[in-house]
């Protein structure tokens, strides 16, 4: 079984910016030891001849060309629809900050 020290747990707590009491530190130390013990059991599995499972759905990415489609609305029509007006051929918007 993998041994975790309370110093290691306190170090992880500092890295995570959390404060732990001594009771919480001890409980977390025990929990982490149990978790790592369970994960260590995977080392004992015989996976010889087992096909790696990268994904299970069989789906693949479908790629398409990055083509600009005409929307049927001209740039000028969009500028005219803007409520804030326009400036330098762009839609004028209120300040955000």
PDB file of N, CA and C in Angstrom:
ATOM      1  N   UNK A   1       0.849  -1.190   0.000  1.00  0.00           N
ATOM      2  CA  UNK A   1       0.000   0.000   0.000  1.00  0.00           C
ATOM      3  C   UNK A   1       0.887   1.244   0.000  1.00  0.00           C
ATOM      4  N   UNK A   2       0.482   2.239  -0.733  1.00  0.00           N
ATOM      5  CA  UNK A   2       1.236   3.482  -0.823  1.00  0.00           C
ATOM      6  C   UNK A   2       1.042   4.291   0.445  1.00  0.00           C
ATOM      7  N   UNK A   3       2.143   4.752   1.011  1.00  0.00           N
ATOM      8  CA  UNK A   3       2.087   5.515   2.253  1.00  0.00           C
ATOM      9  C   UNK A   3       2.108   7.005   1.929  1.00  0.00           C
ATOM     10  N   UNK A   4       1.125   7.721   2.426  1.00  0.00           N
ATOM     11  CA  UNK A   4       1.031   9.169   2.270  1.00  0.00           C
ATOM     12  C   UNK A   4       1.274   9.787   3.640  1.00  0.00           C
ATOM     13  N   UNK A   5       2.112  10.801   3.691  1.00  0.00           N
ATOM     14  CA  UNK A   5       2.384  11.453   4.971  1.00  0.00           C
ATOM     15  C   UNK A   5       1.489  12.674   5.137  1.00  0.00           C
ATOM     16  N   UNK A   6       1.331  13.083   6.382  1.00  0.00           N
ATOM     17  CA  UNK A   6       0.536  14.283   6.648  1.00  0.00           C
ATOM     18  C   UNK A   6       1.231  15.518   6.074  1.00  0.00           C
ATOM     19  N   UNK A   7       2.573  15.484   6.011  1.00  0.00           N
ATOM     20  CA  UNK A   7       3.298  16.606   5.401  1.00  0.00           C
ATOM     21  C   UNK A   7       2.935  16.748   3.923  1.00  0.00           C
ATOM     22  N   UNK A   8       2.794  15.622   3.228  1.00  0.00           N
ATOM     23  CA  UNK A   8       2.410  15.664   1.816  1.00  0.00           C
ATOM     24  C   UNK A   8       0.996  16.216   1.653  1.00  0.00           C
ATOM     25  N   UNK A   9       0.107  15.833   2.551  1.00  0.00           N
ATOM     26  CA  UNK A   9      -1.271  16.336   2.490  1.00  0.00           C
ATOM     27  C   UNK A   9      -1.294  17.834   2.771  1.00  0.00           C
ATOM     28  N   UNK A  10      -0.517  18.280   3.752  1.00  0.00           N
ATOM     29  CA  UNK A  10      -0.443  19.715   4.048  1.00  0.00           C
ATOM     30  C   UNK A  10       0.145  20.483   2.857  1.00  0.00           C
ATOM     31  N   UNK A  11       1.132  19.882   2.191  1.00  0.00           N
ATOM     32  CA  UNK A  11       1.719  20.514   1.008  1.00  0.00           C
ATOM     33  C   UNK A  11       0.661  20.654  -0.094  1.00  0.00           C
ATOM     34  N   UNK A  12      -0.109  19.592  -0.322  1.00  0.00           N
ATOM     35  CA  UNK A  12      -1.186  19.651  -1.314  1.00  0.00           C
ATOM     36  C   UNK A  12      -2.225  20.701  -0.930  1.00  0.00           C
ATOM     37  N   UNK A  13      -2.511  20.800   0.356  1.00  0.00           N
ATOM     38  CA  UNK A  13      -3.485  21.789   0.823  1.00  0.00           C
ATOM     39  C   UNK A  13      -2.984  23.203   0.547  1.00  0.00           C
ATOM     40  N   UNK A  14      -1.694  23.438   0.807  1.00  0.00           N
ATOM     41  CA  UNK A  14      -1.135  24.765   0.525  1.00  0.00           C
ATOM     42  C   UNK A  14      -1.188  25.068  -0.971  1.00  0.00           C
ATOM     43  N   UNK A  15      -0.844  24.085  -1.799  1.00  0.00           N
ATOM     44  CA  UNK A  15      -0.908  24.288  -3.248  1.00  0.00           C
ATOM     45  C   UNK A  15      -2.332  24.566  -3.715  1.00  0.00           C
ATOM     46  N   UNK A  16      -3.304  23.990  -3.010  1.00  0.00           N
ATOM     47  CA  UNK A  16      -4.716  24.160  -3.367  1.00  0.00           C
ATOM     48  C   UNK A  16      -5.343  25.367  -2.689  1.00  0.00           C
ATOM     49  N   UNK A  17      -4.547  26.062  -1.880  1.00  0.00           N
ATOM     50  CA  UNK A  17      -5.030  27.238  -1.136  1.00  0.00           C
ATOM     51  C   UNK A  17      -6.212  26.898  -0.242  1.00  0.00           C
ATOM     52  N   UNK A  18      -6.121  25.759   0.443  1.00  0.00           N
ATOM     53  CA  UNK A  18      -7.151  25.398   1.416  1.00  0.00           C
ATOM     54  C   UNK A  18      -6.492  25.169   2.770  1.00  0.00           C
ATOM     55  N   UNK A  19      -7.230  25.438   3.809  1.00  0.00           N
ATOM     56  CA  UNK A  19      -6.741  25.223   5.163  1.00  0.00           C
ATOM     57  C   UNK A  19      -7.401  23.975   5.725  1.00  0.00           C
ATOM     58  N   UNK A  20      -6.590  23.110   6.332  1.00  0.00           N
ATOM     59  CA  UNK A  20      -7.096  21.876   6.915  1.00  0.00           C
ATOM     60  C   UNK A  20      -6.763  21.832   8.392  1.00  0.00           C
ATOM     61  N   UNK A  21      -7.719  21.361   9.181  1.00  0.00           N
ATOM     62  CA  UNK A  21      -7.431  21.115  10.588  1.00  0.00           C
ATOM     63  C   UNK A  21      -6.630  19.823  10.684  1.00  0.00           C
ATOM     64  N   UNK A  22      -6.097  19.542  11.869  1.00  0.00           N
ATOM     65  CA  UNK A  22      -5.326  18.308  12.060  1.00  0.00           C
ATOM     66  C   UNK A  22      -6.209  17.084  11.816  1.00  0.00           C
ATOM     67  N   UNK A  23      -7.468  17.152  12.253  1.00  0.00           N
ATOM     68  CA  UNK A  23      -8.402  16.043  12.041  1.00  0.00           C
ATOM     69  C   UNK A  23      -8.667  15.842  10.549  1.00  0.00           C
ATOM     70  N   UNK A  24      -8.893  16.939   9.822  1.00  0.00           N
ATOM     71  CA  UNK A  24      -9.128  16.853   8.382  1.00  0.00           C
ATOM     72  C   UNK A  24      -7.900  16.329   7.646  1.00  0.00           C
ATOM     73  N   UNK A  25      -6.722  16.760   8.098  1.00  0.00           N
ATOM     74  CA  UNK A  25      -5.479  16.296   7.479  1.00  0.00           C
ATOM     75  C   UNK A  25      -5.333  14.795   7.641  1.00  0.00           C
ATOM     76  N   UNK A  26      -5.587  14.307   8.845  1.00  0.00           N
ATOM     77  CA  UNK A  26      -5.455  12.869   9.096  1.00  0.00           C
ATOM     78  C   UNK A  26      -6.491  12.078   8.293  1.00  0.00           C
ATOM     79  N   UNK A  27      -7.722  12.578   8.253  1.00  0.00           N
ATOM     80  CA  UNK A  27      -8.774  11.891   7.499  1.00  0.00           C
ATOM     81  C   UNK A  27      -8.443  11.866   6.008  1.00  0.00           C
ATOM     82  N   UNK A  28      -7.955  12.978   5.483  1.00  0.00           N
ATOM     83  CA  UNK A  28      -7.603  13.043   4.071  1.00  0.00           C
ATOM     84  C   UNK A  28      -6.407  12.149   3.764  1.00  0.00           C
ATOM     85  N   UNK A  29      -5.468  12.065   4.698  1.00  0.00           N
ATOM     86  CA  UNK A  29      -4.318  11.168   4.533  1.00  0.00           C
ATOM     87  C   UNK A  29      -4.795   9.729   4.400  1.00  0.00           C
ATOM     88  N   UNK A  30      -5.692   9.320   5.275  1.00  0.00           N
ATOM     89  CA  UNK A  30      -6.234   7.954   5.220  1.00  0.00           C
ATOM     90  C   UNK A  30      -7.005   7.719   3.917  1.00  0.00           C
ATOM     91  N   UNK A  31      -7.822   8.687   3.524  1.00  0.00           N
ATOM     92  CA  UNK A  31      -8.600   8.549   2.286  1.00  0.00           C
ATOM     93  C   UNK A  31      -7.695   8.416   1.064  1.00  0.00           C
ATOM     94  N   UNK A  32      -6.662   9.249   0.993  1.00  0.00           N
ATOM     95  CA  UNK A  32      -5.752   9.195  -0.147  1.00  0.00           C
ATOM     96  C   UNK A  32      -4.995   7.872  -0.195  1.00  0.00           C
ATOM     97  N   UNK A  33      -4.602   7.360   0.969  1.00  0.00           N
ATOM     98  CA  UNK A  33      -3.920   6.062   1.010  1.00  0.00           C
ATOM     99  C   UNK A  33      -4.831   4.961   0.476  1.00  0.00           C
ATOM    100  N   UNK A  34      -6.106   4.996   0.865  1.00  0.00           N
ATOM    101  CA  UNK A  34      -7.048   3.985   0.384  1.00  0.00           C
ATOM    102  C   UNK A  34      -7.269   4.108  -1.124  1.00  0.00           C
ATOM    103  N   UNK A  35      -7.403   5.328  -1.606  1.00  0.00           N
ATOM    104  CA  UNK A  35      -7.614   5.543  -3.042  1.00  0.00           C
ATOM    105  C   UNK A  35      -6.412   5.044  -3.835  1.00  0.00           C
ATOM    106  N   UNK A  36      -5.214   5.405  -3.394  1.00  0.00           N
ATOM    107  CA  UNK A  36      -4.012   4.965  -4.104  1.00  0.00           C
ATOM    108  C   UNK A  36      -3.842   3.457  -4.019  1.00  0.00           C
ATOM    109  N   UNK A  37      -4.293   2.861  -2.912  1.00  0.00           N
ATOM    110  CA  UNK A  37      -4.250   1.405  -2.797  1.00  0.00           C
ATOM    111  C   UNK A  37      -5.165   0.740  -3.809  1.00  0.00           C
ATOM    112  N   UNK A  38      -6.346   1.301  -4.004  1.00  0.00           N
ATOM    113  CA  UNK A  38      -7.276   0.759  -4.999  1.00  0.00           C
ATOM    114  C   UNK A  38      -6.726   0.914  -6.417  1.00  0.00           C
ATOM    115  N   UNK A  39      -6.123   2.058  -6.683  1.00  0.00           N
ATOM    116  CA  UNK A  39      -5.542   2.282  -8.006  1.00  0.00           C
ATOM    117  C   UNK A  39      -4.368   1.331  -8.230  1.00  0.00           C
ATOM    118  N   UNK A  40      -3.603   1.053  -7.184  1.00  0.00           N
ATOM    119  CA  UNK A  40      -2.455   0.148  -7.302  1.00  0.00           C
ATOM    120  C   UNK A  40      -2.894  -1.265  -7.674  1.00  0.00           C
ATOM    121  N   UNK A  41      -4.118  -1.633  -7.328  1.00  0.00           N
ATOM    122  CA  UNK A  41      -4.619  -2.960  -7.685  1.00  0.00           C
ATOM    123  C   UNK A  41      -4.700  -3.136  -9.201  1.00  0.00           C
ATOM    124  N   UNK A  42      -4.822  -2.052  -9.921  1.00  0.00           N
ATOM    125  CA  UNK A  42      -4.883  -2.134 -11.379  1.00  0.00           C
ATOM    126  C   UNK A  42      -3.580  -2.667 -11.962  1.00  0.00           C
ATOM    127  N   UNK A  43      -2.467  -2.469 -11.238  1.00  0.00           N
ATOM    128  CA  UNK A  43      -1.181  -2.992 -11.707  1.00  0.00           C
ATOM    129  C   UNK A  43      -1.180  -4.511 -11.760  1.00  0.00           C
ATOM    130  N   UNK A  44      -2.009  -5.158 -10.959  1.00  0.00           N
ATOM    131  CA  UNK A  44      -2.036  -6.618 -10.891  1.00  0.00           C
ATOM    132  C   UNK A  44      -2.882  -7.248 -11.998  1.00  0.00           C
ATOM    133  N   UNK A  45      -3.641  -6.445 -12.727  1.00  0.00           N
ATOM    134  CA  UNK A  45      -4.503  -6.986 -13.777  1.00  0.00           C
ATOM    135  C   UNK A  45      -3.683  -7.486 -14.958  1.00  0.00           C
ATOM    136  N   UNK A  46      -4.084  -8.635 -15.487  1.00  0.00           N
ATOM    137  CA  UNK A  46      -3.450  -9.181 -16.681  1.00  0.00           C
ATOM    138  C   UNK A  46      -4.178  -8.628 -17.903  1.00  0.00           C
ATOM    139  N   UNK A  47      -3.542  -7.711 -18.587  1.00  0.00           N
ATOM    140  CA  UNK A  47      -4.165  -7.091 -19.759  1.00  0.00           C
ATOM    141  C   UNK A  47      -3.526  -7.583 -21.056  1.00  0.00           C
ATOM    142  N   UNK A  48      -2.800  -8.664 -20.980  1.00  0.00           N
ATOM    143  CA  UNK A  48      -2.167  -9.232 -22.174  1.00  0.00           C
ATOM    144  C   UNK A  48      -3.240  -9.650 -23.174  1.00  0.00           C
ATOM    145  N   UNK A  49      -3.134  -9.163 -24.387  1.00  0.00           N
ATOM    146  CA  UNK A  49      -4.082  -9.522 -25.430  1.00  0.00           C
ATOM    147  C   UNK A  49      -5.375  -8.726 -25.408  1.00  0.00           C
ATOM    148  N   UNK A  50      -5.507  -7.788 -24.491  1.00  0.00           N
ATOM    149  CA  UNK A  50      -6.719  -6.967 -24.427  1.00  0.00           C
ATOM    150  C   UNK A  50      -6.522  -5.756 -25.330  1.00  0.00           C
ATOM    151  N   UNK A  51      -7.452  -5.579 -26.241  1.00  0.00           N
ATOM    152  CA  UNK A  51      -7.383  -4.454 -27.175  1.00  0.00           C
ATOM    153  C   UNK A  51      -7.584  -3.144 -26.411  1.00  0.00           C
ATOM    154  N   UNK A  52      -6.713  -2.146 -26.614  1.00  0.00           N
ATOM    155  CA  UNK A  52      -6.902  -0.857 -25.937  1.00  0.00           C
ATOM    156  C   UNK A  52      -8.234  -0.222 -26.333  1.00  0.00           C
ATOM    157  N   UNK A  53      -8.902   0.376 -25.379  1.00  0.00           N
ATOM    158  CA  UNK A  53     -10.176   1.037 -25.627  1.00  0.00           C
ATOM    159  C   UNK A  53      -9.941   2.542 -25.601  1.00  0.00           C
ATOM    160  N   UNK A  54      -9.898   3.132 -26.781  1.00  0.00           N
ATOM    161  CA  UNK A  54      -9.687   4.571 -26.870  1.00  0.00           C
ATOM    162  C   UNK A  54     -11.008   5.321 -26.821  1.00  0.00           C
ATOM    163  N   UNK A  55     -12.020   4.743 -27.402  1.00  0.00           N
ATOM    164  CA  UNK A  55     -13.363   5.312 -27.365  1.00  0.00           C
ATOM    165  C   UNK A  55     -14.336   4.198 -27.712  1.00  0.00           C
ATOM    166  N   UNK A  56     -15.597   4.369 -27.346  1.00  0.00           N
ATOM    167  CA  UNK A  56     -16.538   3.255 -27.462  1.00  0.00           C
ATOM    168  C   UNK A  56     -17.707   3.504 -28.412  1.00  0.00           C
ATOM    169  N   UNK A  57     -17.856   4.722 -28.914  1.00  0.00           N
ATOM    170  CA  UNK A  57     -19.039   5.011 -29.729  1.00  0.00           C
ATOM    171  C   UNK A  57     -18.842   4.712 -31.207  1.00  0.00           C
ATOM    172  N   UNK A  58     -17.604   4.669 -31.667  1.00  0.00           N
ATOM    173  CA  UNK A  58     -17.352   4.450 -33.081  1.00  0.00           C
ATOM    174  C   UNK A  58     -17.529   5.692 -33.934  1.00  0.00           C
ATOM    175  N   UNK A  59     -17.842   6.799 -33.315  1.00  0.00           N
ATOM    176  CA  UNK A  59     -18.042   8.035 -34.070  1.00  0.00           C
ATOM    177  C   UNK A  59     -16.697   8.658 -34.432  1.00  0.00           C
ATOM    178  N   UNK A  60     -16.705   9.389 -35.520  1.00  0.00           N
ATOM    179  CA  UNK A  60     -15.511  10.087 -35.967  1.00  0.00           C
ATOM    180  C   UNK A  60     -15.860  11.539 -36.225  1.00  0.00           C
ATOM    181  N   UNK A  61     -14.833  12.380 -36.177  1.00  0.00           N
ATOM    182  CA  UNK A  61     -15.042  13.784 -36.519  1.00  0.00           C
ATOM    183  C   UNK A  61     -15.398  13.905 -37.990  1.00  0.00           C
ATOM    184  N   UNK A  62     -16.325  14.789 -38.268  1.00  0.00           N
ATOM    185  CA  UNK A  62     -16.690  15.068 -39.652  1.00  0.00           C
ATOM    186  C   UNK A  62     -16.229  16.491 -39.934  1.00  0.00           C
ATOM    187  N   UNK A  63     -15.268  16.609 -40.811  1.00  0.00           N
ATOM    188  CA  UNK A  63     -14.705  17.911 -41.123  1.00  0.00           C
ATOM    189  C   UNK A  63     -15.350  18.466 -42.387  1.00  0.00           C
ATOM    190  N   UNK A  64     -15.465  19.766 -42.436  1.00  0.00           N
ATOM    191  CA  UNK A  64     -15.989  20.421 -43.621  1.00  0.00           C
ATOM    192  C   UNK A  64     -15.065  21.577 -43.975  1.00  0.00           C
ATOM    193  N   UNK A  65     -15.181  22.042 -45.175  1.00  0.00           N
ATOM    194  CA  UNK A  65     -14.383  23.177 -45.613  1.00  0.00           C
ATOM    195  C   UNK A  65     -14.856  24.439 -44.892  1.00  0.00           C
ATOM    196  N   UNK A  66     -13.929  25.307 -44.554  1.00  0.00           N
ATOM    197  CA  UNK A  66     -14.244  26.572 -43.904  1.00  0.00           C
ATOM    198  C   UNK A  66     -14.527  27.602 -44.993  1.00  0.00           C
ATOM    199  N   UNK A  67     -15.782  27.608 -45.439  1.00  0.00           N
ATOM    200  CA  UNK A  67     -16.182  28.462 -46.548  1.00  0.00           C
ATOM    201  C   UNK A  67     -17.129  29.531 -46.022  1.00  0.00           C
ATOM    202  N   UNK A  68     -16.885  30.763 -46.404  1.00  0.00           N
ATOM    203  CA  UNK A  68     -17.757  31.861 -46.003  1.00  0.00           C
ATOM    204  C   UNK A  68     -19.019  31.795 -46.850  1.00  0.00           C
ATOM    205  N   UNK A  69     -20.165  31.734 -46.188  1.00  0.00           N
ATOM    206  CA  UNK A  69     -21.444  31.659 -46.895  1.00  0.00           C
ATOM    207  C   UNK A  69     -22.075  33.046 -46.936  1.00  0.00           C
ATOM    208  N   UNK A  70     -22.685  33.356 -48.025  1.00  0.00           N
ATOM    209  CA  UNK A  70     -23.381  34.632 -48.161  1.00  0.00           C
ATOM    210  C   UNK A  70     -24.669  34.586 -47.348  1.00  0.00           C
ATOM    211  N   UNK A  71     -24.934  35.654 -46.589  1.00  0.00           N
ATOM    212  CA  UNK A  71     -26.122  35.666 -45.743  1.00  0.00           C
ATOM    213  C   UNK A  71     -27.313  36.324 -46.418  1.00  0.00           C
ATOM    214  N   UNK A  72     -27.079  37.039 -47.476  1.00  0.00           N
ATOM    215  CA  UNK A  72     -28.174  37.725 -48.147  1.00  0.00           C
ATOM    216  C   UNK A  72     -28.395  39.127 -47.609  1.00  0.00           C
ATOM    217  N   UNK A  73     -27.667  39.503 -46.554  1.00  0.00           N
ATOM    218  CA  UNK A  73     -27.773  40.841 -45.983  1.00  0.00           C
ATOM    219  C   UNK A  73     -26.427  41.526 -46.196  1.00  0.00           C
ATOM    220  N   UNK A  74     -26.471  42.722 -46.750  1.00  0.00           N
ATOM    221  CA  UNK A  74     -25.213  43.426 -47.021  1.00  0.00           C
ATOM    222  C   UNK A  74     -24.665  44.060 -45.749  1.00  0.00           C
ATOM    223  N   UNK A  75     -23.397  44.383 -45.781  1.00  0.00           N
ATOM    224  CA  UNK A  75     -22.742  45.037 -44.649  1.00  0.00           C
ATOM    225  C   UNK A  75     -23.433  46.369 -44.350  1.00  0.00           C
ATOM    226  N   UNK A  76     -23.777  47.098 -45.380  1.00  0.00           N
ATOM    227  CA  UNK A  76     -24.426  48.393 -45.190  1.00  0.00           C
ATOM    228  C   UNK A  76     -25.789  48.228 -44.519  1.00  0.00           C
ATOM    229  N   UNK A  77     -26.542  47.213 -44.886  1.00  0.00           N
ATOM    230  CA  UNK A  77     -27.842  46.976 -44.255  1.00  0.00           C
ATOM    231  C   UNK A  77     -27.664  46.680 -42.766  1.00  0.00           C
ATOM    232  N   UNK A  78     -26.658  45.905 -42.418  1.00  0.00           N
ATOM    233  CA  UNK A  78     -26.404  45.610 -41.006  1.00  0.00           C
ATOM    234  C   UNK A  78     -26.022  46.867 -40.238  1.00  0.00           C
ATOM    235  N   UNK A  79     -25.193  47.710 -40.844  1.00  0.00           N
ATOM    236  CA  UNK A  79     -24.798  48.957 -40.188  1.00  0.00           C
ATOM    237  C   UNK A  79     -26.003  49.858 -39.961  1.00  0.00           C
ATOM    238  N   UNK A  80     -26.922  49.879 -40.907  1.00  0.00           N
ATOM    239  CA  UNK A  80     -28.114  50.712 -40.776  1.00  0.00           C
ATOM    240  C   UNK A  80     -29.048  50.204 -39.682  1.00  0.00           C
ATOM    241  N   UNK A  81     -29.005  48.919 -39.385  1.00  0.00           N
ATOM    242  CA  UNK A  81     -29.868  48.343 -38.352  1.00  0.00           C
ATOM    243  C   UNK A  81     -29.335  48.559 -36.936  1.00  0.00           C
ATOM    244  N   UNK A  82     -28.096  48.975 -36.810  1.00  0.00           N
ATOM    245  CA  UNK A  82     -27.506  49.106 -35.477  1.00  0.00           C
ATOM    246  C   UNK A  82     -28.158  50.241 -34.710  1.00  0.00           C
ATOM    247  N   UNK A  83     -28.466  49.985 -33.442  1.00  0.00           N
ATOM    248  CA  UNK A  83     -29.148  50.980 -32.615  1.00  0.00           C
ATOM    249  C   UNK A  83     -28.194  52.051 -32.117  1.00  0.00           C
ATOM    250  N   UNK A  84     -26.934  51.689 -31.917  1.00  0.00           N
ATOM    251  CA  UNK A  84     -25.969  52.647 -31.380  1.00  0.00           C
ATOM    252  C   UNK A  84     -25.333  53.520 -32.437  1.00  0.00           C
ATOM    253  N   UNK A  85     -25.715  53.325 -33.665  1.00  0.00           N
ATOM    254  CA  UNK A  85     -25.121  54.101 -34.743  1.00  0.00           C
ATOM    255  C   UNK A  85     -23.886  53.418 -35.287  1.00  0.00           C
ATOM    256  N   UNK A  86     -23.138  54.168 -36.084  1.00  0.00           N
ATOM    257  CA  UNK A  86     -21.944  53.599 -36.693  1.00  0.00           C
ATOM    258  C   UNK A  86     -20.817  54.610 -36.663  1.00  0.00           C
ATOM    259  N   UNK A  87     -19.619  54.084 -36.702  1.00  0.00           N
ATOM    260  CA  UNK A  87     -18.439  54.931 -36.690  1.00  0.00           C
ATOM    261  C   UNK A  87     -17.344  54.204 -37.459  1.00  0.00           C
ATOM    262  N   UNK A  88     -16.748  54.848 -38.426  1.00  0.00           N
ATOM    263  CA  UNK A  88     -15.679  54.255 -39.240  1.00  0.00           C
ATOM    264  C   UNK A  88     -16.101  52.919 -39.841  1.00  0.00           C
ATOM    265  N   UNK A  89     -17.286  52.858 -40.385  1.00  0.00           N
ATOM    266  CA  UNK A  89     -17.810  51.654 -41.039  1.00  0.00           C
ATOM    267  C   UNK A  89     -17.942  50.470 -40.075  1.00  0.00           C
ATOM    268  N   UNK A  90     -18.132  50.750 -38.793  1.00  0.00           N
ATOM    269  CA  UNK A  90     -18.316  49.700 -37.784  1.00  0.00           C
ATOM    270  C   UNK A  90     -19.507  50.058 -36.917  1.00  0.00           C
ATOM    271  N   UNK A  91     -20.091  49.060 -36.263  1.00  0.00           N
ATOM    272  CA  UNK A  91     -21.216  49.299 -35.366  1.00  0.00           C
ATOM    273  C   UNK A  91     -20.676  49.868 -34.064  1.00  0.00           C
ATOM    274  N   UNK A  92     -21.247  50.974 -33.628  1.00  0.00           N
ATOM    275  CA  UNK A  92     -20.822  51.629 -32.397  1.00  0.00           C
ATOM    276  C   UNK A  92     -21.617  51.040 -31.238  1.00  0.00           C
ATOM    277  N   UNK A  93     -20.905  50.620 -30.194  1.00  0.00           N
ATOM    278  CA  UNK A  93     -21.546  50.027 -29.019  1.00  0.00           C
ATOM    279  C   UNK A  93     -21.132  50.805 -27.785  1.00  0.00           C
ATOM    280  N   UNK A  94     -21.943  50.761 -26.720  1.00  0.00           N
ATOM    281  CA  UNK A  94     -21.567  51.469 -25.500  1.00  0.00           C
ATOM    282  C   UNK A  94     -20.365  50.801 -24.831  1.00  0.00           C
ATOM    283  N   UNK A  95     -19.664  51.578 -24.011  1.00  0.00           N
ATOM    284  CA  UNK A  95     -18.516  51.041 -23.283  1.00  0.00           C
ATOM    285  C   UNK A  95     -18.974  49.931 -22.352  1.00  0.00           C
ATOM    286  N   UNK A  96     -18.164  48.902 -22.246  1.00  0.00           N
ATOM    287  CA  UNK A  96     -18.507  47.762 -21.407  1.00  0.00           C
ATOM    288  C   UNK A  96     -17.977  47.964 -19.993  1.00  0.00           C
ATOM    289  N   UNK A  97     -16.808  48.532 -19.884  1.00  0.00           N
ATOM    290  CA  UNK A  97     -16.207  48.738 -18.557  1.00  0.00           C
ATOM    291  C   UNK A  97     -16.331  50.162 -18.128  1.00  0.00           C
TER     292      UNK A  97
END
